[in-house]
């Protein structure tokens, strides 16, 4: 997600306004698509931006850590789904 401006900062450039608008749209799409999810794996990605192309490995590791932390709950969801 776009991390160029903090929520308390006012967007003054057109590019900032566009990026914030896209971020809002993305958040709403995710919220809508996950309403009925049994489990959400949410890696800690606050320190990354949508242009953090050189930090892919760190983002993958954050996702793996988040998945590991929910492994027990994920197994429970899978077990219930297969019945």
N, C-alpha and C. Protein backbone atom coordinates (compact mmCIF):
# COMPACT_ATOMS: atom_id res chain seq x y z
N UNK A 1 0.82 -1.18 0.00
CA UNK A 1 0.00 0.00 0.00
C UNK A 1 0.86 1.25 0.00
N UNK A 2 0.30 2.30 -0.47
CA UNK A 2 1.02 3.57 -0.56
C UNK A 2 1.38 4.08 0.82
N UNK A 3 2.65 4.38 1.02
CA UNK A 3 3.12 4.87 2.30
C UNK A 3 3.80 6.22 2.16
N UNK A 4 3.56 6.91 1.07
CA UNK A 4 4.24 8.16 0.80
C UNK A 4 3.91 9.28 1.78
N UNK A 5 2.70 9.37 2.22
CA UNK A 5 2.27 10.40 3.17
C UNK A 5 1.62 9.71 4.36
N UNK A 6 1.87 10.21 5.55
CA UNK A 6 1.19 9.70 6.73
C UNK A 6 -0.26 10.17 6.69
N UNK A 7 -1.12 9.45 7.39
CA UNK A 7 -2.55 9.80 7.37
C UNK A 7 -2.80 11.22 7.84
N UNK A 8 -1.93 11.73 8.69
CA UNK A 8 -2.14 13.08 9.21
C UNK A 8 -1.60 14.16 8.29
N UNK A 9 -0.83 13.75 7.28
CA UNK A 9 -0.27 14.73 6.35
C UNK A 9 -1.25 14.98 5.22
N UNK A 10 -1.31 16.22 4.80
CA UNK A 10 -2.20 16.59 3.71
C UNK A 10 -1.47 16.37 2.38
N UNK A 11 -2.14 15.69 1.46
CA UNK A 11 -1.58 15.49 0.13
C UNK A 11 -1.65 16.80 -0.64
N UNK A 12 -0.52 17.24 -1.13
CA UNK A 12 -0.50 18.52 -1.84
C UNK A 12 -0.20 18.34 -3.32
N UNK A 13 0.49 17.28 -3.67
CA UNK A 13 0.80 17.04 -5.08
C UNK A 13 -0.25 16.12 -5.69
N UNK A 14 -0.48 16.28 -6.96
CA UNK A 14 -1.46 15.44 -7.65
C UNK A 14 -1.09 13.97 -7.52
N UNK A 15 0.18 13.64 -7.64
CA UNK A 15 0.59 12.24 -7.53
C UNK A 15 0.26 11.67 -6.15
N UNK A 16 0.40 12.47 -5.09
CA UNK A 16 0.05 12.01 -3.75
C UNK A 16 -1.45 11.76 -3.63
N UNK A 17 -2.24 12.65 -4.20
CA UNK A 17 -3.70 12.50 -4.17
C UNK A 17 -4.11 11.23 -4.90
N UNK A 18 -3.53 11.00 -6.05
CA UNK A 18 -3.84 9.80 -6.83
C UNK A 18 -3.45 8.54 -6.06
N UNK A 19 -2.25 8.53 -5.48
CA UNK A 19 -1.80 7.35 -4.74
C UNK A 19 -2.68 7.11 -3.51
N UNK A 20 -3.07 8.16 -2.81
CA UNK A 20 -3.95 7.99 -1.66
C UNK A 20 -5.32 7.48 -2.10
N UNK A 21 -5.81 7.96 -3.22
CA UNK A 21 -7.09 7.50 -3.75
C UNK A 21 -7.03 6.02 -4.10
N UNK A 22 -5.95 5.60 -4.72
CA UNK A 22 -5.78 4.19 -5.06
C UNK A 22 -5.66 3.34 -3.80
N UNK A 23 -5.00 3.85 -2.79
CA UNK A 23 -4.86 3.14 -1.52
C UNK A 23 -6.23 2.94 -0.87
N UNK A 24 -7.05 3.97 -0.87
CA UNK A 24 -8.40 3.87 -0.32
C UNK A 24 -9.21 2.84 -1.09
N UNK A 25 -9.13 2.88 -2.41
CA UNK A 25 -9.85 1.92 -3.25
C UNK A 25 -9.38 0.50 -2.96
N UNK A 26 -8.08 0.30 -2.86
CA UNK A 26 -7.54 -1.02 -2.58
C UNK A 26 -8.02 -1.53 -1.22
N UNK A 27 -8.00 -0.68 -0.21
CA UNK A 27 -8.47 -1.08 1.12
C UNK A 27 -9.93 -1.49 1.09
N UNK A 28 -10.75 -0.76 0.37
CA UNK A 28 -12.17 -1.09 0.28
C UNK A 28 -12.38 -2.41 -0.48
N UNK A 29 -11.62 -2.63 -1.53
CA UNK A 29 -11.74 -3.89 -2.27
C UNK A 29 -11.35 -5.07 -1.39
N UNK A 30 -10.27 -4.94 -0.66
CA UNK A 30 -9.84 -6.01 0.24
C UNK A 30 -10.90 -6.26 1.30
N UNK A 31 -11.43 -5.20 1.89
CA UNK A 31 -12.46 -5.35 2.92
C UNK A 31 -13.68 -6.08 2.36
N UNK A 32 -14.10 -5.71 1.17
CA UNK A 32 -15.26 -6.33 0.54
C UNK A 32 -14.99 -7.81 0.21
N UNK A 33 -13.81 -8.10 -0.29
CA UNK A 33 -13.49 -9.47 -0.72
C UNK A 33 -13.25 -10.41 0.46
N UNK A 34 -12.99 -9.88 1.63
CA UNK A 34 -12.66 -10.73 2.77
C UNK A 34 -13.75 -10.78 3.84
N UNK A 35 -14.90 -10.25 3.55
CA UNK A 35 -15.99 -10.22 4.53
C UNK A 35 -16.30 -11.62 5.06
N UNK A 36 -16.32 -12.61 4.21
CA UNK A 36 -16.70 -13.96 4.60
C UNK A 36 -15.50 -14.88 4.80
N UNK A 37 -14.33 -14.34 4.91
CA UNK A 37 -13.13 -15.17 5.09
C UNK A 37 -13.15 -15.83 6.46
N UNK A 38 -12.75 -17.08 6.51
CA UNK A 38 -12.64 -17.79 7.78
C UNK A 38 -11.39 -17.37 8.55
N UNK A 39 -10.37 -16.96 7.82
CA UNK A 39 -9.10 -16.61 8.43
C UNK A 39 -8.36 -15.65 7.51
N UNK A 40 -7.74 -14.65 8.08
CA UNK A 40 -6.95 -13.70 7.29
C UNK A 40 -5.51 -13.72 7.78
N UNK A 41 -4.59 -13.94 6.89
CA UNK A 41 -3.17 -13.84 7.21
C UNK A 41 -2.75 -12.44 6.81
N UNK A 42 -2.36 -11.66 7.81
CA UNK A 42 -2.02 -10.26 7.59
C UNK A 42 -0.58 -9.99 8.02
N UNK A 43 0.35 -10.11 7.09
CA UNK A 43 1.75 -9.83 7.46
C UNK A 43 1.94 -8.36 7.81
N UNK A 44 2.91 -8.10 8.65
CA UNK A 44 3.23 -6.72 9.05
C UNK A 44 4.01 -6.07 7.91
N UNK A 45 3.35 -5.25 7.14
CA UNK A 45 3.97 -4.62 5.97
C UNK A 45 3.96 -3.10 6.05
N UNK A 46 3.75 -2.56 7.24
CA UNK A 46 3.64 -1.11 7.39
C UNK A 46 4.89 -0.36 6.94
N UNK A 47 6.04 -1.01 7.04
CA UNK A 47 7.29 -0.33 6.70
C UNK A 47 7.59 -0.35 5.21
N UNK A 48 6.76 -1.04 4.43
CA UNK A 48 6.98 -1.15 3.00
C UNK A 48 5.99 -0.27 2.24
N UNK A 49 6.35 0.09 1.03
CA UNK A 49 5.43 0.83 0.17
C UNK A 49 5.18 0.01 -1.09
N UNK A 50 4.28 0.48 -1.91
CA UNK A 50 3.98 -0.24 -3.15
C UNK A 50 5.15 -0.20 -4.12
N UNK A 51 6.16 0.58 -3.81
CA UNK A 51 7.34 0.64 -4.68
C UNK A 51 8.57 0.02 -4.01
N UNK A 52 8.37 -0.83 -3.02
CA UNK A 52 9.49 -1.46 -2.31
C UNK A 52 9.98 -2.71 -3.06
N UNK A 53 10.31 -2.52 -4.31
CA UNK A 53 10.70 -3.65 -5.15
C UNK A 53 11.98 -4.34 -4.69
N UNK A 54 12.86 -3.61 -4.04
CA UNK A 54 14.13 -4.21 -3.61
C UNK A 54 14.01 -4.93 -2.28
N UNK A 55 12.83 -4.90 -1.67
CA UNK A 55 12.64 -5.53 -0.36
C UNK A 55 11.70 -6.73 -0.44
N UNK A 56 11.66 -7.38 -1.57
CA UNK A 56 10.75 -8.49 -1.78
C UNK A 56 11.01 -9.61 -0.77
N UNK A 57 12.26 -9.96 -0.55
CA UNK A 57 12.57 -11.05 0.37
C UNK A 57 12.07 -10.74 1.79
N UNK A 58 12.23 -9.50 2.22
CA UNK A 58 11.74 -9.12 3.55
C UNK A 58 10.22 -9.23 3.63
N UNK A 59 9.53 -8.88 2.54
CA UNK A 59 8.08 -8.99 2.53
C UNK A 59 7.64 -10.45 2.57
N UNK A 60 8.35 -11.30 1.84
CA UNK A 60 8.05 -12.74 1.86
C UNK A 60 8.24 -13.29 3.26
N UNK A 61 9.34 -12.90 3.90
CA UNK A 61 9.61 -13.38 5.26
C UNK A 61 8.53 -12.91 6.24
N UNK A 62 8.04 -11.69 6.06
CA UNK A 62 6.95 -11.19 6.92
C UNK A 62 5.69 -12.03 6.71
N UNK A 63 5.42 -12.40 5.47
CA UNK A 63 4.27 -13.25 5.18
C UNK A 63 4.42 -14.64 5.76
N UNK A 64 5.62 -15.20 5.67
CA UNK A 64 5.87 -16.52 6.24
C UNK A 64 5.71 -16.51 7.75
N UNK A 65 6.20 -15.46 8.39
CA UNK A 65 6.07 -15.33 9.85
C UNK A 65 4.60 -15.24 10.25
N UNK A 66 3.84 -14.44 9.53
CA UNK A 66 2.41 -14.30 9.83
C UNK A 66 1.68 -15.62 9.63
N UNK A 67 2.02 -16.36 8.59
CA UNK A 67 1.39 -17.65 8.34
C UNK A 67 1.77 -18.66 9.42
N UNK A 68 3.03 -18.66 9.82
CA UNK A 68 3.47 -19.56 10.90
C UNK A 68 2.72 -19.28 12.19
N UNK A 69 2.48 -18.02 12.48
CA UNK A 69 1.78 -17.65 13.72
C UNK A 69 0.33 -18.11 13.72
N UNK A 70 -0.24 -18.30 12.54
CA UNK A 70 -1.64 -18.73 12.43
C UNK A 70 -1.78 -20.18 11.99
N UNK A 71 -0.68 -20.93 12.00
CA UNK A 71 -0.70 -22.30 11.48
C UNK A 71 -1.75 -23.17 12.17
N UNK A 72 -1.86 -23.07 13.49
CA UNK A 72 -2.84 -23.87 14.22
C UNK A 72 -4.27 -23.54 13.81
N UNK A 73 -4.56 -22.25 13.73
CA UNK A 73 -5.91 -21.82 13.32
C UNK A 73 -6.20 -22.22 11.88
N UNK A 74 -5.18 -22.12 11.02
CA UNK A 74 -5.34 -22.51 9.62
C UNK A 74 -5.66 -24.00 9.52
N UNK A 75 -4.97 -24.82 10.31
CA UNK A 75 -5.25 -26.26 10.31
C UNK A 75 -6.68 -26.52 10.75
N UNK A 76 -7.15 -25.81 11.78
CA UNK A 76 -8.53 -25.98 12.25
C UNK A 76 -9.54 -25.63 11.15
N UNK A 77 -9.29 -24.55 10.44
CA UNK A 77 -10.18 -24.14 9.35
C UNK A 77 -10.20 -25.20 8.25
N UNK A 78 -9.03 -25.71 7.90
CA UNK A 78 -8.95 -26.75 6.86
C UNK A 78 -9.66 -28.01 7.31
N UNK A 79 -9.45 -28.42 8.56
CA UNK A 79 -10.10 -29.63 9.07
C UNK A 79 -11.62 -29.50 9.03
N UNK A 80 -12.16 -28.35 9.41
CA UNK A 80 -13.61 -28.13 9.38
C UNK A 80 -14.14 -28.09 7.95
N UNK A 81 -13.35 -27.54 7.04
CA UNK A 81 -13.77 -27.41 5.64
C UNK A 81 -13.85 -28.77 4.96
N UNK A 82 -12.95 -29.69 5.31
CA UNK A 82 -12.90 -31.00 4.65
C UNK A 82 -14.00 -31.93 5.12
N UNK A 83 -14.65 -31.64 6.25
CA UNK A 83 -15.68 -32.54 6.78
C UNK A 83 -16.95 -32.47 6.00
